[in-house]
Amino acid sequence: MFRGATKITLDDKGRMVMPNRYREQISELAQGKLVVTVDKDQCLLIYPLPEWEVTERKLMACRH
């Protein structure tokens, strides 16, 4: 759903500030719920929850 590299900043309280261009999509497609994980290169990967659930099922299937 989201692809590309985007610089994400933290506000004064340490909260992640999501770029405006993604906010509406996150709200509509993920009900505001995201999963943040890290890849082998120490980059954060951010998934809308429904997308993560699909990815998680695929990962779990590979483990069995």
PDB file of N, CA and C in Angstrom:
ATOM      1  N   MET A   1       0.809  -1.180   0.000  1.00  0.00           N
ATOM      2  CA  MET A   1       0.000   0.000   0.000  1.00  0.00           C
ATOM      3  C   MET A   1       0.857   1.250   0.000  1.00  0.00           C
ATOM      4  N   PHE A   2       1.794   1.357   0.930  1.00  0.00           N
ATOM      5  CA  PHE A   2       2.711   2.487   0.961  1.00  0.00           C
ATOM      6  C   PHE A   2       4.071   1.976   0.522  1.00  0.00           C
ATOM      7  N   ARG A   3       4.679   2.689  -0.380  1.00  0.00           N
ATOM      8  CA  ARG A   3       6.015   2.305  -0.803  1.00  0.00           C
ATOM      9  C   ARG A   3       6.867   3.551  -0.888  1.00  0.00           C
ATOM     10  N   GLY A   4       8.158   3.353  -0.639  1.00  0.00           N
ATOM     11  CA  GLY A   4       9.073   4.471  -0.740  1.00  0.00           C
ATOM     12  C   GLY A   4       9.669   4.802   0.604  1.00  0.00           C
ATOM     13  N   ALA A   5      10.622   5.678   0.570  1.00  0.00           N
ATOM     14  CA  ALA A   5      11.290   6.113   1.797  1.00  0.00           C
ATOM     15  C   ALA A   5      10.790   7.506   2.148  1.00  0.00           C
ATOM     16  N   THR A   6      10.448   7.668   3.398  1.00  0.00           N
ATOM     17  CA  THR A   6       9.949   8.951   3.883  1.00  0.00           C
ATOM     18  C   THR A   6      10.627   9.249   5.200  1.00  0.00           C
ATOM     19  N   LYS A   7      11.069  10.461   5.360  1.00  0.00           N
ATOM     20  CA  LYS A   7      11.655  10.851   6.632  1.00  0.00           C
ATOM     21  C   LYS A   7      10.523  11.097   7.617  1.00  0.00           C
ATOM     22  N   ILE A   8      10.539  10.354   8.692  1.00  0.00           N
ATOM     23  CA  ILE A   8       9.539  10.473   9.746  1.00  0.00           C
ATOM     24  C   ILE A   8      10.213  11.152  10.933  1.00  0.00           C
ATOM     25  N   THR A   9       9.529  12.105  11.514  1.00  0.00           N
ATOM     26  CA  THR A   9      10.094  12.812  12.659  1.00  0.00           C
ATOM     27  C   THR A   9       9.297  12.496  13.919  1.00  0.00           C
ATOM     28  N   LEU A  10       9.887  12.832  15.048  1.00  0.00           N
ATOM     29  CA  LEU A  10       9.217  12.692  16.332  1.00  0.00           C
ATOM     30  C   LEU A  10       8.883  14.078  16.860  1.00  0.00           C
ATOM     31  N   ASP A  11       7.726  14.184  17.521  1.00  0.00           N
ATOM     32  CA  ASP A  11       7.378  15.471  18.112  1.00  0.00           C
ATOM     33  C   ASP A  11       8.056  15.611  19.481  1.00  0.00           C
ATOM     34  N   ASP A  12       7.756  16.686  20.189  1.00  0.00           N
ATOM     35  CA  ASP A  12       8.398  16.949  21.478  1.00  0.00           C
ATOM     36  C   ASP A  12       8.113  15.882  22.523  1.00  0.00           C
ATOM     37  N   LYS A  13       7.018  15.147  22.346  1.00  0.00           N
ATOM     38  CA  LYS A  13       6.656  14.092  23.300  1.00  0.00           C
ATOM     39  C   LYS A  13       7.150  12.718  22.852  1.00  0.00           C
ATOM     40  N   GLY A  14       7.928  12.687  21.758  1.00  0.00           N
ATOM     41  CA  GLY A  14       8.476  11.423  21.270  1.00  0.00           C
ATOM     42  C   GLY A  14       7.515  10.627  20.404  1.00  0.00           C
ATOM     43  N   ARG A  15       6.446  11.263  19.940  1.00  0.00           N
ATOM     44  CA  ARG A  15       5.481  10.579  19.082  1.00  0.00           C
ATOM     45  C   ARG A  15       5.882  10.728  17.617  1.00  0.00           C
ATOM     46  N   MET A  16       5.620   9.690  16.857  1.00  0.00           N
ATOM     47  CA  MET A  16       5.935   9.707  15.437  1.00  0.00           C
ATOM     48  C   MET A  16       4.930  10.597  14.710  1.00  0.00           C
ATOM     49  N   VAL A  17       5.439  11.457  13.854  1.00  0.00           N
ATOM     50  CA  VAL A  17       4.589  12.338  13.061  1.00  0.00           C
ATOM     51  C   VAL A  17       4.464  11.744  11.666  1.00  0.00           C
ATOM     52  N   MET A  18       3.255  11.335  11.310  1.00  0.00           N
ATOM     53  CA  MET A  18       3.001  10.720  10.014  1.00  0.00           C
ATOM     54  C   MET A  18       2.750  11.821   8.987  1.00  0.00           C
ATOM     55  N   PRO A  19       3.392  11.734   7.821  1.00  0.00           N
ATOM     56  CA  PRO A  19       3.168  12.740   6.779  1.00  0.00           C
ATOM     57  C   PRO A  19       1.682  12.849   6.419  1.00  0.00           C
ATOM     58  N   ASN A  20       1.241  14.057   6.156  1.00  0.00           N
ATOM     59  CA  ASN A  20      -0.167  14.315   5.835  1.00  0.00           C
ATOM     60  C   ASN A  20      -0.683  13.452   4.693  1.00  0.00           C
ATOM     61  N   ARG A  21       0.151  13.205   3.698  1.00  0.00           N
ATOM     62  CA  ARG A  21      -0.324  12.470   2.519  1.00  0.00           C
ATOM     63  C   ARG A  21      -0.734  11.040   2.839  1.00  0.00           C
ATOM     64  N   TYR A  22      -0.331  10.500   4.000  1.00  0.00           N
ATOM     65  CA  TYR A  22      -0.697   9.139   4.385  1.00  0.00           C
ATOM     66  C   TYR A  22      -1.839   9.089   5.396  1.00  0.00           C
ATOM     67  N   ARG A  23      -2.101  10.162   6.068  1.00  0.00           N
ATOM     68  CA  ARG A  23      -3.062  10.143   7.183  1.00  0.00           C
ATOM     69  C   ARG A  23      -4.460   9.688   6.779  1.00  0.00           C
ATOM     70  N   GLU A  24      -4.976  10.205   5.680  1.00  0.00           N
ATOM     71  CA  GLU A  24      -6.332   9.842   5.261  1.00  0.00           C
ATOM     72  C   GLU A  24      -6.407   8.355   4.910  1.00  0.00           C
ATOM     73  N   GLN A  25      -5.415   7.856   4.188  1.00  0.00           N
ATOM     74  CA  GLN A  25      -5.399   6.438   3.833  1.00  0.00           C
ATOM     75  C   GLN A  25      -5.321   5.553   5.072  1.00  0.00           C
ATOM     76  N   ILE A  26      -4.497   5.942   6.025  1.00  0.00           N
ATOM     77  CA  ILE A  26      -4.368   5.160   7.257  1.00  0.00           C
ATOM     78  C   ILE A  26      -5.693   5.149   8.002  1.00  0.00           C
ATOM     79  N   SER A  27      -6.326   6.274   8.068  1.00  0.00           N
ATOM     80  CA  SER A  27      -7.598   6.372   8.769  1.00  0.00           C
ATOM     81  C   SER A  27      -8.668   5.515   8.095  1.00  0.00           C
ATOM     82  N   GLU A  28      -8.750   5.588   6.775  1.00  0.00           N
ATOM     83  CA  GLU A  28      -9.779   4.854   6.034  1.00  0.00           C
ATOM     84  C   GLU A  28      -9.519   3.357   5.979  1.00  0.00           C
ATOM     85  N   LEU A  29      -8.305   2.957   5.657  1.00  0.00           N
ATOM     86  CA  LEU A  29      -8.010   1.552   5.402  1.00  0.00           C
ATOM     87  C   LEU A  29      -7.577   0.761   6.624  1.00  0.00           C
ATOM     88  N   ALA A  30      -7.077   1.435   7.624  1.00  0.00           N
ATOM     89  CA  ALA A  30      -6.544   0.712   8.780  1.00  0.00           C
ATOM     90  C   ALA A  30      -7.183   1.150  10.086  1.00  0.00           C
ATOM     91  N   GLN A  31      -8.224   1.956  10.009  1.00  0.00           N
ATOM     92  CA  GLN A  31      -8.870   2.485  11.205  1.00  0.00           C
ATOM     93  C   GLN A  31      -7.839   3.083  12.168  1.00  0.00           C
ATOM     94  N   GLY A  32      -6.769   3.654  11.598  1.00  0.00           N
ATOM     95  CA  GLY A  32      -5.731   4.298  12.395  1.00  0.00           C
ATOM     96  C   GLY A  32      -4.782   3.341  13.078  1.00  0.00           C
ATOM     97  N   LYS A  33      -4.869   2.045  12.806  1.00  0.00           N
ATOM     98  CA  LYS A  33      -4.024   1.056  13.476  1.00  0.00           C
ATOM     99  C   LYS A  33      -2.872   0.632  12.566  1.00  0.00           C
ATOM    100  N   LEU A  34      -1.671   0.769  13.079  1.00  0.00           N
ATOM    101  CA  LEU A  34      -0.466   0.444  12.333  1.00  0.00           C
ATOM    102  C   LEU A  34       0.393  -0.537  13.113  1.00  0.00           C
ATOM    103  N   VAL A  35       1.215  -1.265  12.396  1.00  0.00           N
ATOM    104  CA  VAL A  35       2.236  -2.117  13.000  1.00  0.00           C
ATOM    105  C   VAL A  35       3.579  -1.595  12.518  1.00  0.00           C
ATOM    106  N   VAL A  36       4.494  -1.372  13.458  1.00  0.00           N
ATOM    107  CA  VAL A  36       5.837  -0.908  13.122  1.00  0.00           C
ATOM    108  C   VAL A  36       6.801  -2.020  13.479  1.00  0.00           C
ATOM    109  N   THR A  37       7.627  -2.393  12.520  1.00  0.00           N
ATOM    110  CA  THR A  37       8.628  -3.426  12.742  1.00  0.00           C
ATOM    111  C   THR A  37       9.933  -2.958  12.104  1.00  0.00           C
ATOM    112  N   VAL A  38      10.979  -3.731  12.267  1.00  0.00           N
ATOM    113  CA  VAL A  38      12.287  -3.345  11.741  1.00  0.00           C
ATOM    114  C   VAL A  38      12.789  -4.447  10.816  1.00  0.00           C
ATOM    115  N   ASP A  39      13.472  -4.066   9.739  1.00  0.00           N
ATOM    116  CA  ASP A  39      14.013  -5.063   8.827  1.00  0.00           C
ATOM    117  C   ASP A  39      15.484  -5.335   9.143  1.00  0.00           C
ATOM    118  N   LYS A  40      16.090  -6.178   8.331  1.00  0.00           N
ATOM    119  CA  LYS A  40      17.489  -6.585   8.577  1.00  0.00           C
ATOM    120  C   LYS A  40      18.478  -5.429   8.465  1.00  0.00           C
ATOM    121  N   ASP A  41      18.100  -4.343   7.788  1.00  0.00           N
ATOM    122  CA  ASP A  41      18.967  -3.176   7.640  1.00  0.00           C
ATOM    123  C   ASP A  41      18.683  -2.093   8.676  1.00  0.00           C
ATOM    124  N   GLN A  42      17.900  -2.453   9.690  1.00  0.00           N
ATOM    125  CA  GLN A  42      17.537  -1.534  10.772  1.00  0.00           C
ATOM    126  C   GLN A  42      16.659  -0.371  10.299  1.00  0.00           C
ATOM    127  N   CYS A  43      15.874  -0.599   9.259  1.00  0.00           N
ATOM    128  CA  CYS A  43      14.904   0.385   8.795  1.00  0.00           C
ATOM    129  C   CYS A  43      13.539   0.038   9.366  1.00  0.00           C
ATOM    130  N   LEU A  44      12.780   1.047   9.743  1.00  0.00           N
ATOM    131  CA  LEU A  44      11.431   0.799  10.218  1.00  0.00           C
ATOM    132  C   LEU A  44      10.528   0.501   9.033  1.00  0.00           C
ATOM    133  N   LEU A  45       9.690  -0.494   9.210  1.00  0.00           N
ATOM    134  CA  LEU A  45       8.668  -0.829   8.232  1.00  0.00           C
ATOM    135  C   LEU A  45       7.328  -0.579   8.905  1.00  0.00           C
ATOM    136  N   ILE A  46       6.466   0.167   8.252  1.00  0.00           N
ATOM    137  CA  ILE A  46       5.180   0.522   8.828  1.00  0.00           C
ATOM    138  C   ILE A  46       4.085  -0.068   7.949  1.00  0.00           C
ATOM    139  N   TYR A  47       3.244  -0.900   8.571  1.00  0.00           N
ATOM    140  CA  TYR A  47       2.152  -1.562   7.864  1.00  0.00           C
ATOM    141  C   TYR A  47       0.812  -1.148   8.457  1.00  0.00           C
ATOM    142  N   PRO A  48      -0.184  -0.876   7.623  1.00  0.00           N
ATOM    143  CA  PRO A  48      -1.546  -0.789   8.146  1.00  0.00           C
ATOM    144  C   PRO A  48      -1.889  -2.170   8.720  1.00  0.00           C
ATOM    145  N   LEU A  49      -2.607  -2.225   9.818  1.00  0.00           N
ATOM    146  CA  LEU A  49      -2.869  -3.499  10.479  1.00  0.00           C
ATOM    147  C   LEU A  49      -3.423  -4.579   9.547  1.00  0.00           C
ATOM    148  N   PRO A  50      -4.407  -4.304   8.694  1.00  0.00           N
ATOM    149  CA  PRO A  50      -4.896  -5.366   7.808  1.00  0.00           C
ATOM    150  C   PRO A  50      -3.806  -5.929   6.886  1.00  0.00           C
ATOM    151  N   GLU A  51      -2.914  -5.077   6.394  1.00  0.00           N
ATOM    152  CA  GLU A  51      -1.809  -5.545   5.546  1.00  0.00           C
ATOM    153  C   GLU A  51      -0.827  -6.383   6.348  1.00  0.00           C
ATOM    154  N   TRP A  52      -0.551  -5.968   7.577  1.00  0.00           N
ATOM    155  CA  TRP A  52       0.364  -6.723   8.422  1.00  0.00           C
ATOM    156  C   TRP A  52      -0.196  -8.109   8.717  1.00  0.00           C
ATOM    157  N   GLU A  53      -1.488  -8.225   8.960  1.00  0.00           N
ATOM    158  CA  GLU A  53      -2.082  -9.520   9.265  1.00  0.00           C
ATOM    159  C   GLU A  53      -1.895 -10.502   8.120  1.00  0.00           C
ATOM    160  N   VAL A  54      -1.998 -10.021   6.884  1.00  0.00           N
ATOM    161  CA  VAL A  54      -1.741 -10.871   5.710  1.00  0.00           C
ATOM    162  C   VAL A  54      -0.275 -11.291   5.688  1.00  0.00           C
ATOM    163  N   THR A  55       0.621 -10.342   5.890  1.00  0.00           N
ATOM    164  CA  THR A  55       2.057 -10.621   5.895  1.00  0.00           C
ATOM    165  C   THR A  55       2.410 -11.594   7.015  1.00  0.00           C
ATOM    166  N   GLU A  56       1.846 -11.377   8.181  1.00  0.00           N
ATOM    167  CA  GLU A  56       2.116 -12.251   9.329  1.00  0.00           C
ATOM    168  C   GLU A  56       1.694 -13.684   9.048  1.00  0.00           C
ATOM    169  N   ARG A  57       0.526 -13.872   8.448  1.00  0.00           N
ATOM    170  CA  ARG A  57       0.071 -15.233   8.103  1.00  0.00           C
ATOM    171  C   ARG A  57       1.049 -15.908   7.142  1.00  0.00           C
ATOM    172  N   LYS A  58       1.541 -15.160   6.158  1.00  0.00           N
ATOM    173  CA  LYS A  58       2.512 -15.716   5.204  1.00  0.00           C
ATOM    174  C   LYS A  58       3.812 -16.105   5.922  1.00  0.00           C
ATOM    175  N   LEU A  59       4.279 -15.241   6.812  1.00  0.00           N
ATOM    176  CA  LEU A  59       5.505 -15.540   7.547  1.00  0.00           C
ATOM    177  C   LEU A  59       5.334 -16.775   8.425  1.00  0.00           C
ATOM    178  N   MET A  60       4.212 -16.858   9.093  1.00  0.00           N
ATOM    179  CA  MET A  60       3.961 -18.000   9.974  1.00  0.00           C
ATOM    180  C   MET A  60       3.837 -19.297   9.181  1.00  0.00           C
ATOM    181  N   ALA A  61       3.275 -19.230   7.996  1.00  0.00           N
ATOM    182  CA  ALA A  61       3.136 -20.418   7.146  1.00  0.00           C
ATOM    183  C   ALA A  61       4.517 -20.939   6.711  1.00  0.00           C
ATOM    184  N   CYS A  62       5.462 -20.038   6.518  1.00  0.00           N
ATOM    185  CA  CYS A  62       6.825 -20.435   6.106  1.00  0.00           C
ATOM    186  C   CYS A  62       7.566 -21.120   7.248  1.00  0.00           C
ATOM    187  N   ARG A  63       7.193 -20.828   8.466  1.00  0.00           N
ATOM    188  CA  ARG A  63       7.875 -21.399   9.635  1.00  0.00           C
ATOM    189  C   ARG A  63       7.449 -22.839   9.882  1.00  0.00           C
ATOM    190  N   HIS A  64       6.311 -23.238   9.357  1.00  0.00           N
ATOM    191  CA  HIS A  64       5.791 -24.595   9.646  1.00  0.00           C
ATOM    192  C   HIS A  64       6.137 -25.545   8.590  1.00  0.00           C
TER     193      HIS A  64
END
